[in-house]
Amino acid sequence: MPSGVRGALVQRVSALPDGPLDVSWLPAGTPELPLGRIRLHWEPASRAGWDVTAHLGLATTEVLLASWPAAPDNWPRLVRPTLHEVTGLCAALAVATVALDLSNRLAEV
């Protein structure tokens, strides 16, 4: 990872098994992640491969979503299924939240 960055913000996760992960760099001073967003961080492992972690932005904090210690050089292929599932789940929860809010507003009328 370049110096001065905190990690990579996941922009899009391909549904294809060998599809890409689109990311953008997060500067070191970036505040906490927005709700439902994922940050990846990777660095060389002590013996071989890469130590990769993913953090998920929640309403008031960030949590460790997953870690892959000593992942092989093709680690994006390894982490892609987890990231794809979590981004899908976050999107579904966002839609459900909007629907619930709308239902509650309509019930008040």
Protein backbone atom coordinates (compact mmCIF):
# COMPACT_ATOMS: atom_id res chain seq x y z
CA MET A 1 0.00 0.00 0.00
CA PRO A 2 1.26 3.51 -0.69
CA SER A 3 2.49 5.57 2.25
CA GLY A 4 -0.01 8.04 3.69
CA VAL A 5 -3.06 5.87 3.15
CA ARG A 6 -5.32 4.19 5.69
CA GLY A 7 -6.52 1.51 3.33
CA ALA A 8 -8.63 1.03 0.24
CA LEU A 9 -12.34 1.81 0.16
CA VAL A 10 -14.24 -0.90 -1.72
CA GLN A 11 -16.31 0.80 -4.43
CA ARG A 12 -17.66 -2.25 -6.26
CA VAL A 13 -17.34 -6.02 -6.04
CA SER A 14 -17.91 -8.02 -9.18
CA ALA A 15 -20.38 -10.90 -8.98
CA LEU A 16 -18.10 -12.96 -11.23
CA PRO A 17 -15.84 -15.46 -9.44
CA ASP A 18 -12.71 -13.94 -11.02
CA GLY A 19 -14.16 -10.46 -11.32
CA PRO A 20 -12.46 -7.30 -10.12
CA LEU A 21 -12.60 -5.40 -6.87
CA ASP A 22 -12.85 -1.69 -7.59
CA VAL A 23 -11.24 0.34 -4.81
CA SER A 24 -10.02 3.85 -4.10
CA TRP A 25 -7.32 4.85 -1.63
CA LEU A 26 -8.35 6.32 1.73
CA PRO A 27 -5.97 9.01 3.01
CA ALA A 28 -4.56 8.39 6.50
CA GLY A 29 -6.63 11.21 8.08
CA THR A 30 -9.97 9.92 6.78
CA PRO A 31 -12.65 9.68 9.51
CA GLU A 32 -14.60 6.49 10.19
CA LEU A 33 -16.22 4.62 7.36
CA PRO A 34 -19.77 5.48 6.33
CA LEU A 35 -22.49 2.97 7.15
CA GLY A 36 -22.17 -0.18 5.06
CA ARG A 37 -18.82 0.68 3.47
CA ILE A 38 -15.82 -1.66 3.56
CA ARG A 39 -12.15 -0.76 3.99
CA LEU A 40 -9.40 -3.19 3.01
CA HIS A 41 -5.89 -3.10 4.41
CA TRP A 42 -3.04 -5.38 3.39
CA GLU A 43 0.63 -5.67 4.16
CA PRO A 44 3.27 -8.32 3.58
CA ALA A 45 2.95 -11.28 5.97
CA SER A 46 5.92 -12.18 8.15
CA ARG A 47 6.79 -15.37 6.26
CA ALA A 48 4.95 -15.31 2.93
CA GLY A 49 1.87 -13.84 1.34
CA TRP A 50 -0.21 -10.96 2.66
CA ASP A 51 -2.00 -10.14 5.89
CA VAL A 52 -5.36 -8.77 4.73
CA THR A 53 -8.10 -7.27 6.90
CA ALA A 54 -11.52 -5.86 6.08
CA HIS A 55 -13.40 -3.39 8.27
CA LEU A 56 -17.10 -2.56 7.97
CA GLY A 57 -18.58 0.84 8.74
CA LEU A 58 -21.53 0.73 11.13
CA ALA A 59 -23.74 3.58 12.33
CA THR A 60 -21.33 4.77 15.04
CA THR A 61 -18.13 2.77 14.61
CA GLU A 62 -16.05 0.45 12.45
CA VAL A 63 -15.78 -3.27 13.16
CA LEU A 64 -13.42 -5.95 11.97
CA LEU A 65 -15.32 -7.81 9.30
CA ALA A 66 -12.72 -10.44 8.46
CA SER A 67 -9.03 -11.16 8.35
CA TRP A 68 -6.99 -13.40 6.12
CA PRO A 69 -3.51 -13.90 7.61
CA ALA A 70 -0.76 -15.00 5.22
CA ALA A 71 -3.13 -14.94 2.23
CA PRO A 72 -1.59 -15.97 -1.09
CA ASP A 73 -0.61 -13.44 -3.74
CA ASN A 74 -3.99 -13.84 -5.44
CA TRP A 75 -5.76 -12.74 -2.24
CA PRO A 76 -8.36 -10.55 -4.03
CA ARG A 77 -9.85 -13.77 -5.42
CA LEU A 78 -9.94 -15.20 -1.88
CA VAL A 79 -11.66 -12.20 -0.25
CA ARG A 80 -14.07 -11.36 -3.11
CA PRO A 81 -16.86 -13.80 -2.07
CA THR A 82 -17.00 -12.39 1.48
CA LEU A 83 -16.99 -8.79 0.25
CA HIS A 84 -19.66 -9.55 -2.35
CA GLU A 85 -21.96 -11.12 0.24
CA VAL A 86 -21.51 -8.31 2.75
CA THR A 87 -22.08 -5.54 0.21
CA GLY A 88 -25.24 -7.34 -0.93
CA LEU A 89 -26.43 -7.69 2.65
CA CYS A 90 -25.76 -4.01 3.38
CA ALA A 91 -27.69 -2.99 0.25
CA ALA A 92 -30.63 -5.19 1.26
CA LEU A 93 -30.63 -3.76 4.79
CA ALA A 94 -30.59 -0.22 3.38
CA VAL A 95 -33.63 -0.96 1.21
CA ALA A 96 -35.42 -2.62 4.15
CA THR A 97 -34.69 0.38 6.36
CA VAL A 98 -36.10 2.81 3.79
CA ALA A 99 -39.21 0.61 3.36
CA LEU A 100 -39.72 0.42 7.13
CA ASP A 101 -39.33 4.20 7.49
CA LEU A 102 -41.86 4.75 4.70
CA SER A 103 -44.28 2.27 6.27
CA ASN A 104 -43.99 4.02 9.63
CA ARG A 105 -44.62 7.44 8.04
CA LEU A 106 -47.66 6.13 6.16
CA ALA A 107 -49.02 4.56 9.35
CA GLU A 108 -48.91 7.99 11.04
CA VAL A 109 -51.09 9.61 8.37
